[in-house]
Amino acid sequence: MALKTDFHSFLRQCGGCAVIDGGLSTELERHGADLKDPLWSAKCLITSPHLISKVHLDYLEAGANIIISASYQATLQGFEARGIFGREGEALLEKSVKVACEARDLYHNRLNKGSFDISGDGIIRQHPVLVAASVGSYGAYLADGSEYRGVYGCDISVETLKDFHRRRVQILVDSGADLIAFETIPNKLEAKAYAELLEEKTINVPAWFSFTCKDDTNVVSGDSIEDCASIADSCEKVVAVGINCTAPRHVHGLIKSIRKATKKPILVYPNSGETYDAVKKEWMPSTGNGDKDFVSYVGKWRVAGAALIGGCCRTTPNTIRAISKILGSY
């Protein structure tokens, strides 16, 4: 079965390196959303989808080539816990992709009409855009910080994880996404489950695997990033491999470790460098200088071999605008 999206052609259109968007929840909160909820950013699919659209558009205007849907924490099981069952929950998953696709259409329409107000050194230009449907890990559904530990318990198997994710992934595929972004993968077990799901014949879009890591060589569970990348490399439908929601200081070493296991494009979209406190459910400030420190790494990541670069938690459209500007010089 031919994949819906020719990912390598997309990268060529982007000049060999694509820009991924930045943090969603940070921006939703800045626009007034209350995300103190087990559904986190997915809560806005119910209460305020217009804010999600606004954030997508902000990132497109900042130069993002890939916008990621608000489905990271959206699961059928999580919706059921909120009293949202069956088709109603499925419709919310579909909405996450629809909102992103509509934001892309709006961006292109405004661009064609010349209706953007460009000020300062902001550069808004025509560029190819893909919509990636986010699939958060099983740990994200638990809403207890498990995706930052990668330890689920002895009763969780590859088959359990496949059963948990299968219907959700199929809905996102059928909703019109250009690719599936399996994000914040904390261990080899879940990577294996995703790879086996992708082998099922009903999935005809490409995917990327991005792992969350604790140092230069290991994902948060302690599994080797090289071993994890090898799982992704073995799956034909995985078109890019990398890391997200990891401290920027580890990324250069991780790129080198991943390259040992695969020749597929490498993607990196780290967090701002702050640390998440799963007990307090808040981010603890770093000692660095925010965007300036983050962006200082971008050129090194590109030279090391990263072909897709963006930001995760606590990064903003300003971060993405700076990344786009730097990558435009290569």
C-alpha atoms as a PDB file:
ATOM      1  CA  MET A   1       0.000   0.000   0.000  1.00  0.00           C
ATOM      2  CA  ALA A   2       1.427   3.380  -1.036  1.00  0.00           C
ATOM      3  CA  LEU A   3       1.698   5.904   1.771  1.00  0.00           C
ATOM      4  CA  LYS A   4      -0.537   8.954   1.493  1.00  0.00           C
ATOM      5  CA  THR A   5       2.300  11.437   2.052  1.00  0.00           C
ATOM      6  CA  ASP A   6       5.639  11.451   0.219  1.00  0.00           C
ATOM      7  CA  PHE A   7       7.697  12.607   3.181  1.00  0.00           C
ATOM      8  CA  HIS A   8      11.029  12.752   1.371  1.00  0.00           C
ATOM      9  CA  SER A   9       9.522  14.949  -1.334  1.00  0.00           C
ATOM     10  CA  PHE A  10       8.166  17.217   1.404  1.00  0.00           C
ATOM     11  CA  LEU A  11      11.629  17.583   2.931  1.00  0.00           C
ATOM     12  CA  ARG A  12      13.082  18.466  -0.453  1.00  0.00           C
ATOM     13  CA  GLN A  13      10.447  21.182  -0.869  1.00  0.00           C
ATOM     14  CA  CYS A  14      11.526  22.549   2.515  1.00  0.00           C
ATOM     15  CA  GLY A  15      15.119  22.777   1.347  1.00  0.00           C
ATOM     16  CA  GLY A  16      16.238  19.652   3.192  1.00  0.00           C
ATOM     17  CA  CYS A  17      15.214  20.761   6.691  1.00  0.00           C
ATOM     18  CA  ALA A  18      11.673  21.339   7.984  1.00  0.00           C
ATOM     19  CA  VAL A  19      10.505  23.418  10.929  1.00  0.00           C
ATOM     20  CA  ILE A  20       8.222  21.758  13.496  1.00  0.00           C
ATOM     21  CA  ASP A  21       5.927  23.921  15.623  1.00  0.00           C
ATOM     22  CA  GLY A  22       6.383  24.612  19.336  1.00  0.00           C
ATOM     23  CA  GLY A  23       4.616  24.068  22.634  1.00  0.00           C
ATOM     24  CA  LEU A  24       0.822  23.902  22.456  1.00  0.00           C
ATOM     25  CA  SER A  25      -0.201  23.993  26.107  1.00  0.00           C
ATOM     26  CA  THR A  26       2.041  26.970  26.901  1.00  0.00           C
ATOM     27  CA  GLU A  27       0.317  29.031  24.239  1.00  0.00           C
ATOM     28  CA  LEU A  28      -3.186  27.834  25.096  1.00  0.00           C
ATOM     29  CA  GLU A  29      -2.627  28.960  28.677  1.00  0.00           C
ATOM     30  CA  ARG A  30      -1.263  32.294  27.459  1.00  0.00           C
ATOM     31  CA  HIS A  31      -4.534  32.774  25.588  1.00  0.00           C
ATOM     32  CA  GLY A  32      -6.532  32.070  28.762  1.00  0.00           C
ATOM     33  CA  ALA A  33      -7.159  28.313  28.738  1.00  0.00           C
ATOM     34  CA  ASP A  34      -7.278  26.469  32.074  1.00  0.00           C
ATOM     35  CA  LEU A  35      -5.480  23.145  31.484  1.00  0.00           C
ATOM     36  CA  LYS A  36      -5.524  21.790  35.030  1.00  0.00           C
ATOM     37  CA  ASP A  37      -7.272  18.662  33.862  1.00  0.00           C
ATOM     38  CA  PRO A  38      -6.294  15.023  33.096  1.00  0.00           C
ATOM     39  CA  LEU A  39      -7.061  15.799  29.428  1.00  0.00           C
ATOM     40  CA  TRP A  40      -4.535  18.672  29.491  1.00  0.00           C
ATOM     41  CA  SER A  41      -4.475  20.468  26.117  1.00  0.00           C
ATOM     42  CA  ALA A  42      -7.108  18.056  24.736  1.00  0.00           C
ATOM     43  CA  LYS A  43      -9.589  19.723  27.092  1.00  0.00           C
ATOM     44  CA  CYS A  44      -9.715  22.610  24.610  1.00  0.00           C
ATOM     45  CA  LEU A  45     -11.178  20.282  21.969  1.00  0.00           C
ATOM     46  CA  ILE A  46     -14.277  20.350  24.174  1.00  0.00           C
ATOM     47  CA  THR A  47     -14.211  23.861  25.594  1.00  0.00           C
ATOM     48  CA  SER A  48     -12.341  26.131  23.187  1.00  0.00           C
ATOM     49  CA  PRO A  49     -11.229  24.707  19.822  1.00  0.00           C
ATOM     50  CA  HIS A  50     -10.897  28.272  18.525  1.00  0.00           C
ATOM     51  CA  LEU A  51      -7.876  28.726  20.815  1.00  0.00           C
ATOM     52  CA  ILE A  52      -6.221  25.639  19.321  1.00  0.00           C
ATOM     53  CA  SER A  53      -6.786  27.096  15.856  1.00  0.00           C
ATOM     54  CA  LYS A  54      -5.263  30.387  16.978  1.00  0.00           C
ATOM     55  CA  VAL A  55      -2.116  28.663  18.243  1.00  0.00           C
ATOM     56  CA  HIS A  56      -1.739  26.602  15.059  1.00  0.00           C
ATOM     57  CA  LEU A  57      -1.998  29.770  12.995  1.00  0.00           C
ATOM     58  CA  ASP A  58       0.554  31.575  15.172  1.00  0.00           C
ATOM     59  CA  TYR A  59       3.063  28.799  14.535  1.00  0.00           C
ATOM     60  CA  LEU A  60       2.394  28.785  10.808  1.00  0.00           C
ATOM     61  CA  GLU A  61       2.978  32.526  10.685  1.00  0.00           C
ATOM     62  CA  ALA A  62       6.229  31.926  12.592  1.00  0.00           C
ATOM     63  CA  GLY A  63       7.439  29.608   9.828  1.00  0.00           C
ATOM     64  CA  ALA A  64       6.422  26.100  10.926  1.00  0.00           C
ATOM     65  CA  ASN A  65       6.247  23.488   8.161  1.00  0.00           C
ATOM     66  CA  ILE A  66       4.591  20.936  10.450  1.00  0.00           C
ATOM     67  CA  ILE A  67       1.821  21.623  12.941  1.00  0.00           C
ATOM     68  CA  ILE A  68       0.930  18.948  15.482  1.00  0.00           C
ATOM     69  CA  SER A  69      -2.689  18.277  16.431  1.00  0.00           C
ATOM     70  CA  ALA A  70      -4.085  18.729  19.942  1.00  0.00           C
ATOM     71  CA  SER A  71      -4.528  14.975  20.395  1.00  0.00           C
ATOM     72  CA  TYR A  72      -1.474  14.198  22.530  1.00  0.00           C
ATOM     73  CA  GLN A  73      -3.589  13.588  25.633  1.00  0.00           C
ATOM     74  CA  ALA A  74      -6.784  12.777  23.735  1.00  0.00           C
ATOM     75  CA  THR A  75      -7.699   9.117  24.161  1.00  0.00           C
ATOM     76  CA  LEU A  76     -11.006   7.305  23.984  1.00  0.00           C
ATOM     77  CA  GLN A  77     -10.319   5.948  27.469  1.00  0.00           C
ATOM     78  CA  GLY A  78      -9.594   9.428  28.805  1.00  0.00           C
ATOM     79  CA  PHE A  79     -12.792  10.810  27.291  1.00  0.00           C
ATOM     80  CA  GLU A  80     -14.796   7.950  28.801  1.00  0.00           C
ATOM     81  CA  ALA A  81     -13.459   8.895  32.240  1.00  0.00           C
ATOM     82  CA  ARG A  82     -15.044  12.301  31.616  1.00  0.00           C
ATOM     83  CA  GLY A  83     -18.378  10.739  30.605  1.00  0.00           C
ATOM     84  CA  ILE A  84     -17.779  11.114  26.866  1.00  0.00           C
ATOM     85  CA  PHE A  85     -18.457   7.780  25.204  1.00  0.00           C
ATOM     86  CA  GLY A  86     -18.384   6.101  21.832  1.00  0.00           C
ATOM     87  CA  ARG A  87     -18.911   8.225  18.766  1.00  0.00           C
ATOM     88  CA  GLU A  88     -18.721  11.477  20.749  1.00  0.00           C
ATOM     89  CA  GLY A  89     -15.166  10.697  21.830  1.00  0.00           C
ATOM     90  CA  GLU A  90     -14.193   9.620  18.330  1.00  0.00           C
ATOM     91  CA  ALA A  91     -15.527  12.920  16.983  1.00  0.00           C
ATOM     92  CA  LEU A  92     -13.223  14.825  19.343  1.00  0.00           C
ATOM     93  CA  LEU A  93     -10.219  12.936  17.997  1.00  0.00           C
ATOM     94  CA  GLU A  94     -11.338  13.759  14.464  1.00  0.00           C
ATOM     95  CA  LYS A  95     -11.785  17.390  15.482  1.00  0.00           C
ATOM     96  CA  SER A  96      -8.140  17.636  16.562  1.00  0.00           C
ATOM     97  CA  VAL A  97      -7.033  16.950  12.986  1.00  0.00           C
ATOM     98  CA  LYS A  98      -9.823  18.987  11.422  1.00  0.00           C
ATOM     99  CA  VAL A  99      -8.918  22.086  13.446  1.00  0.00           C
ATOM    100  CA  ALA A 100      -5.288  21.804  12.347  1.00  0.00           C
ATOM    101  CA  CYS A 101      -6.229  21.305   8.688  1.00  0.00           C
ATOM    102  CA  GLU A 102      -8.580  24.286   8.805  1.00  0.00           C
ATOM    103  CA  ALA A 103      -5.826  26.437  10.335  1.00  0.00           C
ATOM    104  CA  ARG A 104      -3.524  25.432   7.486  1.00  0.00           C
ATOM    105  CA  ASP A 105      -6.196  26.358   4.927  1.00  0.00           C
ATOM    106  CA  LEU A 106      -6.758  29.698   6.645  1.00  0.00           C
ATOM    107  CA  TYR A 107      -3.024  30.388   6.644  1.00  0.00           C
ATOM    108  CA  HIS A 108      -2.720  29.742   2.913  1.00  0.00           C
ATOM    109  CA  ASN A 109      -5.840  31.799   2.157  1.00  0.00           C
ATOM    110  CA  ARG A 110      -4.527  34.766   4.123  1.00  0.00           C
ATOM    111  CA  LEU A 111      -1.130  34.427   2.526  1.00  0.00           C
ATOM    112  CA  ASN A 112      -2.616  34.408  -0.967  1.00  0.00           C
ATOM    113  CA  LYS A 113      -4.653  37.513  -0.150  1.00  0.00           C
ATOM    114  CA  GLY A 114      -1.649  39.313   1.340  1.00  0.00           C
ATOM    115  CA  SER A 115      -3.558  39.991   4.546  1.00  0.00           C
ATOM    116  CA  PHE A 116      -0.756  39.423   7.057  1.00  0.00           C
ATOM    117  CA  ASP A 117       0.637  42.372   8.969  1.00  0.00           C
ATOM    118  CA  ILE A 118       4.390  41.820   8.929  1.00  0.00           C
ATOM    119  CA  SER A 119       6.403  43.917  11.362  1.00  0.00           C
ATOM    120  CA  GLY A 120       9.956  43.945  12.674  1.00  0.00           C
ATOM    121  CA  ASP A 121      12.074  41.157  11.225  1.00  0.00           C
ATOM    122  CA  GLY A 122       9.143  38.717  10.908  1.00  0.00           C
ATOM    123  CA  ILE A 123       9.066  36.978   7.539  1.00  0.00           C
ATOM    124  CA  ILE A 124       5.872  35.267   6.435  1.00  0.00           C
ATOM    125  CA  ARG A 125       6.248  33.283   3.244  1.00  0.00           C
ATOM    126  CA  GLN A 126       4.640  30.475   1.306  1.00  0.00           C
ATOM    127  CA  HIS A 127       5.923  27.117   2.497  1.00  0.00           C
ATOM    128  CA  PRO A 128       4.720  23.506   2.429  1.00  0.00           C
ATOM    129  CA  VAL A 129       2.765  22.486   5.526  1.00  0.00           C
ATOM    130  CA  LEU A 130       1.922  19.041   6.897  1.00  0.00           C
ATOM    131  CA  VAL A 131      -0.523  18.215   9.680  1.00  0.00           C
ATOM    132  CA  ALA A 132       0.849  15.636  12.111  1.00  0.00           C
ATOM    133  CA  ALA A 133      -1.655  13.829  14.335  1.00  0.00           C
ATOM    134  CA  SER A 134      -0.161  13.536  17.797  1.00  0.00           C
ATOM    135  CA  VAL A 135      -0.268  10.238  19.663  1.00  0.00           C
ATOM    136  CA  GLY A 136       0.911  10.564  23.235  1.00  0.00           C
ATOM    137  CA  SER A 137       2.211   7.558  25.135  1.00  0.00           C
ATOM    138  CA  TYR A 138       0.227   5.378  27.504  1.00  0.00           C
ATOM    139  CA  GLY A 139       1.926   7.301  30.297  1.00  0.00           C
ATOM    140  CA  ALA A 140       0.408  10.535  29.041  1.00  0.00           C
ATOM    141  CA  TYR A 141      -3.077   9.013  29.378  1.00  0.00           C
ATOM    142  CA  LEU A 142      -2.292   8.089  32.997  1.00  0.00           C
ATOM    143  CA  ALA A 143      -1.631  11.814  33.654  1.00  0.00           C
ATOM    144  CA  ASP A 144       0.807  10.979  36.449  1.00  0.00           C
ATOM    145  CA  GLY A 145       4.086  11.845  34.761  1.00  0.00           C
ATOM    146  CA  SER A 146       4.718   8.243  33.656  1.00  0.00           C
ATOM    147  CA  GLU A 147       5.863   9.378  30.226  1.00  0.00           C
ATOM    148  CA  TYR A 148       8.829  10.997  31.994  1.00  0.00           C
ATOM    149  CA  ARG A 149       9.717   7.744  33.779  1.00  0.00           C
ATOM    150  CA  GLY A 150       8.787   5.059  31.252  1.00  0.00           C
ATOM    151  CA  VAL A 151       7.871   2.469  33.881  1.00  0.00           C
ATOM    152  CA  TYR A 152       4.320   1.159  33.442  1.00  0.00           C
ATOM    153  CA  GLY A 153       4.279  -1.997  35.577  1.00  0.00           C
ATOM    154  CA  CYS A 154       4.664  -5.700  34.900  1.00  0.00           C
ATOM    155  CA  ASP A 155       1.065  -6.102  33.694  1.00  0.00           C
ATOM    156  CA  ILE A 156       1.607  -3.872  30.636  1.00  0.00           C
ATOM    157  CA  SER A 157       2.657  -5.782  27.518  1.00  0.00           C
ATOM    158  CA  VAL A 158       3.117  -4.975  23.841  1.00  0.00           C
ATOM    159  CA  GLU A 159      -0.338  -6.435  23.172  1.00  0.00           C
ATOM    160  CA  THR A 160      -1.883  -4.335  25.943  1.00  0.00           C
ATOM    161  CA  LEU A 161      -0.404  -1.185  24.453  1.00  0.00           C
ATOM    162  CA  LYS A 162      -1.471  -2.110  20.922  1.00  0.00           C
ATOM    163  CA  ASP A 163      -5.036  -2.644  22.124  1.00  0.00           C
ATOM    164  CA  PHE A 164      -4.947   0.678  23.969  1.00  0.00           C
ATOM    165  CA  HIS A 165      -3.744   2.703  20.972  1.00  0.00           C
ATOM    166  CA  ARG A 166      -5.250   0.889  17.957  1.00  0.00           C
ATOM    167  CA  ARG A 167      -8.652   2.553  17.573  1.00  0.00           C
ATOM    168  CA  ARG A 168      -7.298   5.986  18.403  1.00  0.00           C
ATOM    169  CA  VAL A 169      -4.554   5.731  15.783  1.00  0.00           C
ATOM    170  CA  GLN A 170      -6.987   4.511  13.125  1.00  0.00           C
ATOM    171  CA  ILE A 171      -9.363   7.412  13.775  1.00  0.00           C
ATOM    172  CA  LEU A 172      -6.521   9.918  13.440  1.00  0.00           C
ATOM    173  CA  VAL A 173      -5.357   8.252  10.219  1.00  0.00           C
ATOM    174  CA  ASP A 174      -8.872   8.384   8.770  1.00  0.00           C
ATOM    175  CA  SER A 175      -9.323  12.026   9.812  1.00  0.00           C
ATOM    176  CA  GLY A 176      -7.025  13.368   7.118  1.00  0.00           C
ATOM    177  CA  ALA A 177      -3.679  13.726   8.902  1.00  0.00           C
ATOM    178  CA  ASP A 178      -0.611  13.722   6.676  1.00  0.00           C
ATOM    179  CA  LEU A 179       1.400  11.733   9.187  1.00  0.00           C
ATOM    180  CA  ILE A 180       1.217  10.304  12.701  1.00  0.00           C
ATOM    181  CA  ALA A 181       3.546  11.723  15.355  1.00  0.00           C
ATOM    182  CA  PHE A 182       4.189   9.134  18.058  1.00  0.00           C
ATOM    183  CA  GLU A 183       5.528  11.487  20.702  1.00  0.00           C
ATOM    184  CA  THR A 184       7.339  11.337  24.035  1.00  0.00           C
ATOM    185  CA  ILE A 185       7.943   7.592  23.734  1.00  0.00           C
ATOM    186  CA  PRO A 186       9.593   6.601  27.035  1.00  0.00           C
ATOM    187  CA  ASN A 187      10.685   2.992  26.455  1.00  0.00           C
ATOM    188  CA  LYS A 188      11.365   0.210  23.956  1.00  0.00           C
ATOM    189  CA  LEU A 189       8.134  -1.569  24.874  1.00  0.00           C
ATOM    190  CA  GLU A 190       5.875   1.163  23.540  1.00  0.00           C
ATOM    191  CA  ALA A 191       8.065   1.663  20.463  1.00  0.00           C
ATOM    192  CA  LYS A 192       7.596  -2.031  19.650  1.00  0.00           C
ATOM    193  CA  ALA A 193       3.826  -1.697  20.089  1.00  0.00           C
ATOM    194  CA  TYR A 194       3.708   1.289  17.716  1.00  0.00           C
ATOM    195  CA  ALA A 195       5.879  -0.468  15.127  1.00  0.00           C
ATOM    196  CA  GLU A 196       3.607  -3.509  15.153  1.00  0.00           C
ATOM    197  CA  LEU A 197       0.507  -1.312  14.867  1.00  0.00           C
ATOM    198  CA  LEU A 198       1.974   0.387  11.821  1.00  0.00           C
ATOM    199  CA  GLU A 199       2.385  -2.978  10.130  1.00  0.00           C
ATOM    200  CA  GLU A 200      -1.384  -3.417  10.156  1.00  0.00           C
ATOM    201  CA  LYS A 201      -2.732  -2.902   6.653  1.00  0.00           C
ATOM    202  CA  THR A 202      -5.314  -0.224   7.450  1.00  0.00           C
ATOM    203  CA  ILE A 203      -2.678   2.427   8.208  1.00  0.00           C
ATOM    204  CA  ASN A 204      -1.500   4.190   5.043  1.00  0.00           C
ATOM    205  CA  VAL A 205       0.169   7.349   6.331  1.00  0.00           C
ATOM    206  CA  PRO A 206       3.795   7.724   7.399  1.00  0.00           C
ATOM    207  CA  ALA A 207       4.791   8.180  11.015  1.00  0.00           C
ATOM    208  CA  TRP A 208       7.607   9.477  13.104  1.00  0.00           C
ATOM    209  CA  PHE A 209       8.874   8.163  16.427  1.00  0.00           C
ATOM    210  CA  SER A 210      10.179  10.706  18.939  1.00  0.00           C
ATOM    211  CA  PHE A 211      11.542   9.592  22.293  1.00  0.00           C
ATOM    212  CA  THR A 212      11.919  11.453  25.555  1.00  0.00           C
ATOM    213  CA  CYS A 213      15.401  11.096  27.015  1.00  0.00           C
ATOM    214  CA  LYS A 214      17.200  11.642  30.297  1.00  0.00           C
ATOM    215  CA  ASP A 215      20.746  12.031  28.983  1.00  0.00           C
ATOM    216  CA  ASP A 216      22.803  11.809  25.774  1.00  0.00           C
ATOM    217  CA  THR A 217      22.330   8.056  25.268  1.00  0.00           C
ATOM    218  CA  ASN A 218      19.224   6.790  27.068  1.00  0.00           C
ATOM    219  CA  VAL A 219      15.479   7.312  27.034  1.00  0.00           C
ATOM    220  CA  VAL A 220      13.837   8.050  30.377  1.00  0.00           C
ATOM    221  CA  SER A 221      13.200   4.368  31.171  1.00  0.00           C
ATOM    222  CA  GLY A 222      16.913   3.635  30.899  1.00  0.00           C
ATOM    223  CA  ASP A 223      16.621   1.882  27.542  1.00  0.00           C
ATOM    224  CA  SER A 224      19.295   2.822  25.030  1.00  0.00           C
ATOM    225  CA  ILE A 225      18.204   5.445  22.473  1.00  0.00           C
ATOM    226  CA  GLU A 226      20.193   3.469  19.909  1.00  0.00           C
ATOM    227  CA  ASP A 227      18.102   0.358  20.605  1.00  0.00           C
ATOM    228  CA  CYS A 228      14.905   2.399  20.447  1.00  0.00           C
ATOM    229  CA  ALA A 229      15.935   4.006  17.164  1.00  0.00           C
ATOM    230  CA  SER A 230      16.665   0.549  15.755  1.00  0.00           C
ATOM    231  CA  ILE A 231      13.032  -0.427  16.348  1.00  0.00           C
ATOM    232  CA  ALA A 232      11.906   2.630  14.418  1.00  0.00           C
ATOM    233  CA  ASP A 233      14.433   1.926  11.681  1.00  0.00           C
ATOM    234  CA  SER A 234      13.016  -1.566  11.164  1.00  0.00           C
ATOM    235  CA  CYS A 235       9.512  -0.216  10.388  1.00  0.00           C
ATOM    236  CA  GLU A 236       9.028   0.910   6.783  1.00  0.00           C
ATOM    237  CA  LYS A 237       6.226   3.351   7.621  1.00  0.00           C
ATOM    238  CA  VAL A 238       8.420   5.261  10.083  1.00  0.00           C
ATOM    239  CA  VAL A 239       9.950   8.053   8.014  1.00  0.00           C
ATOM    240  CA  ALA A 240      11.771   9.999  10.740  1.00  0.00           C
ATOM    241  CA  VAL A 241      13.221   9.227  14.161  1.00  0.00           C
ATOM    242  CA  GLY A 242      14.247  11.520  16.967  1.00  0.00           C
ATOM    243  CA  ILE A 243      13.512  13.083  20.324  1.00  0.00           C
ATOM    244  CA  ASN A 244      11.105  15.517  21.933  1.00  0.00           C
ATOM    245  CA  CYS A 245      10.444  16.937  25.399  1.00  0.00           C
ATOM    246  CA  THR A 246      14.105  16.491  26.309  1.00  0.00           C
ATOM    247  CA  ALA A 247      16.520  19.093  27.653  1.00  0.00           C
ATOM    248  CA  PRO A 248      18.323  20.901  24.797  1.00  0.00           C
ATOM    249  CA  ARG A 249      21.744  20.157  26.286  1.00  0.00           C
ATOM    250  CA  HIS A 250      21.325  16.429  25.527  1.00  0.00           C
ATOM    251  CA  VAL A 251      20.218  16.761  21.914  1.00  0.00           C
ATOM    252  CA  HIS A 252      23.580  16.904  20.124  1.00  0.00           C
ATOM    253  CA  GLY A 253      24.726  13.650  21.729  1.00  0.00           C
ATOM    254  CA  LEU A 254      21.375  12.018  21.047  1.00  0.00           C
ATOM    255  CA  ILE A 255      21.548  12.904  17.352  1.00  0.00           C
ATOM    256  CA  LYS A 256      24.904  11.114  17.142  1.00  0.00           C
ATOM    257  CA  SER A 257      23.520   8.092  19.012  1.00  0.00           C
ATOM    258  CA  ILE A 258      20.438   7.872  16.784  1.00  0.00           C
ATOM    259  CA  ARG A 259      22.532   8.123  13.625  1.00  0.00           C
ATOM    260  CA  LYS A 260      24.317   4.912  14.631  1.00  0.00           C
ATOM    261  CA  ALA A 261      21.011   3.052  14.320  1.00  0.00           C
ATOM    262  CA  THR A 262      19.305   4.606  11.300  1.00  0.00           C
ATOM    263  CA  LYS A 263      19.809   6.589   8.121  1.00  0.00           C
ATOM    264  CA  LYS A 264      16.270   7.967   8.295  1.00  0.00           C
ATOM    265  CA  PRO A 265      15.792  11.721   8.808  1.00  0.00           C
ATOM    266  CA  ILE A 266      16.342  12.793  12.404  1.00  0.00           C
ATOM    267  CA  LEU A 267      13.897  15.123  14.139  1.00  0.00           C
ATOM    268  CA  VAL A 268      14.467  17.100  17.322  1.00  0.00           C
ATOM    269  CA  TYR A 269      11.995  19.251  19.186  1.00  0.00           C
ATOM    270  CA  PRO A 270      13.221  19.593  22.765  1.00  0.00           C
ATOM    271  CA  ASN A 271      11.519  21.389  25.619  1.00  0.00           C
ATOM    272  CA  SER A 272      12.798  24.732  26.877  1.00  0.00           C
ATOM    273  CA  GLY A 273      15.163  23.099  29.350  1.00  0.00           C
ATOM    274  CA  GLU A 274      12.812  23.433  32.305  1.00  0.00           C
ATOM    275  CA  THR A 275      11.937  20.386  34.445  1.00  0.00           C
ATOM    276  CA  TYR A 276       8.399  19.052  34.893  1.00  0.00           C
ATOM    277  CA  ASP A 277       7.289  18.298  38.458  1.00  0.00           C
ATOM    278  CA  ALA A 278       4.712  15.503  38.097  1.00  0.00           C
ATOM    279  CA  VAL A 279       3.551  15.904  41.714  1.00  0.00           C
ATOM    280  CA  LYS A 280       2.919  19.654  41.535  1.00  0.00           C
ATOM    281  CA  LYS A 281       1.988  19.317  37.824  1.00  0.00           C
ATOM    282  CA  GLU A 282       4.007  22.366  36.895  1.00  0.00           C
ATOM    283  CA  TRP A 283       7.246  23.273  35.156  1.00  0.00           C
ATOM    284  CA  MET A 284      10.161  24.345  37.313  1.00  0.00           C
ATOM    285  CA  PRO A 285      12.193  27.250  35.876  1.00  0.00           C
ATOM    286  CA  SER A 286      15.629  26.632  34.458  1.00  0.00           C
ATOM    287  CA  THR A 287      18.642  28.768  35.284  1.00  0.00           C
ATOM    288  CA  GLY A 288      19.183  29.632  31.612  1.00  0.00           C
ATOM    289  CA  ASN A 289      18.083  32.486  29.405  1.00  0.00           C
ATOM    290  CA  GLY A 290      14.959  31.020  27.756  1.00  0.00           C
ATOM    291  CA  ASP A 291      14.657  31.287  23.986  1.00  0.00           C
ATOM    292  CA  LYS A 292      18.134  32.721  23.597  1.00  0.00           C
ATOM    293  CA  ASP A 293      19.772  29.642  25.128  1.00  0.00           C
ATOM    294  CA  PHE A 294      17.497  27.243  23.214  1.00  0.00           C
ATOM    295  CA  VAL A 295      18.066  28.845  19.827  1.00  0.00           C
ATOM    296  CA  SER A 296      21.837  28.929  20.315  1.00  0.00           C
ATOM    297  CA  TYR A 297      21.851  25.150  19.835  1.00  0.00           C
ATOM    298  CA  VAL A 298      19.920  25.055  16.547  1.00  0.00           C
ATOM    299  CA  GLY A 299      22.844  25.465  14.141  1.00  0.00           C
ATOM    300  CA  LYS A 300      24.761  22.699  15.920  1.00  0.00           C
ATOM    301  CA  TRP A 301      21.783  20.344  15.655  1.00  0.00           C
ATOM    302  CA  ARG A 302      21.474  21.029  11.943  1.00  0.00           C
ATOM    303  CA  VAL A 303      25.171  20.423  11.332  1.00  0.00           C
ATOM    304  CA  ALA A 304      25.001  17.227  13.415  1.00  0.00           C
ATOM    305  CA  GLY A 305      22.316  15.883  11.068  1.00  0.00           C
ATOM    306  CA  ALA A 306      18.890  16.967  12.276  1.00  0.00           C
ATOM    307  CA  ALA A 307      16.480  17.355   9.338  1.00  0.00           C
ATOM    308  CA  LEU A 308      13.421  18.502  11.323  1.00  0.00           C
ATOM    309  CA  ILE A 309      13.755  20.984  14.173  1.00  0.00           C
ATOM    310  CA  GLY A 310      11.168  22.574  16.442  1.00  0.00           C
ATOM    311  CA  GLY A 311      10.205  22.951  20.075  1.00  0.00           C
ATOM    312  CA  CYS A 312       8.157  21.123  22.671  1.00  0.00           C
ATOM    313  CA  CYS A 313       6.898  22.201  26.098  1.00  0.00           C
ATOM    314  CA  ARG A 314       7.449  25.842  27.082  1.00  0.00           C
ATOM    315  CA  THR A 315       8.653  26.932  23.646  1.00  0.00           C
ATOM    316  CA  THR A 316       6.692  29.611  21.803  1.00  0.00           C
ATOM    317  CA  PRO A 317       6.096  31.119  18.328  1.00  0.00           C
ATOM    318  CA  ASN A 318       9.097  33.355  19.022  1.00  0.00           C
ATOM    319  CA  THR A 319      11.221  30.221  19.410  1.00  0.00           C
ATOM    320  CA  ILE A 320       9.947  28.815  16.130  1.00  0.00           C
ATOM    321  CA  ARG A 321      10.413  32.122  14.316  1.00  0.00           C
ATOM    322  CA  ALA A 322      14.041  32.177  15.421  1.00  0.00           C
ATOM    323  CA  ILE A 323      14.546  28.539  14.355  1.00  0.00           C
ATOM    324  CA  SER A 324      13.023  29.272  10.948  1.00  0.00           C
ATOM    325  CA  LYS A 325      15.319  32.248  10.480  1.00  0.00           C
ATOM    326  CA  ILE A 326      18.431  30.241  11.387  1.00  0.00           C
ATOM    327  CA  LEU A 327      17.541  27.287   9.166  1.00  0.00           C
ATOM    328  CA  GLY A 328      16.811  29.646   6.291  1.00  0.00           C
ATOM    329  CA  SER A 329      20.507  30.539   6.222  1.00  0.00           C
ATOM    330  CA  TYR A 330      21.604  26.952   5.499  1.00  0.00           C
END
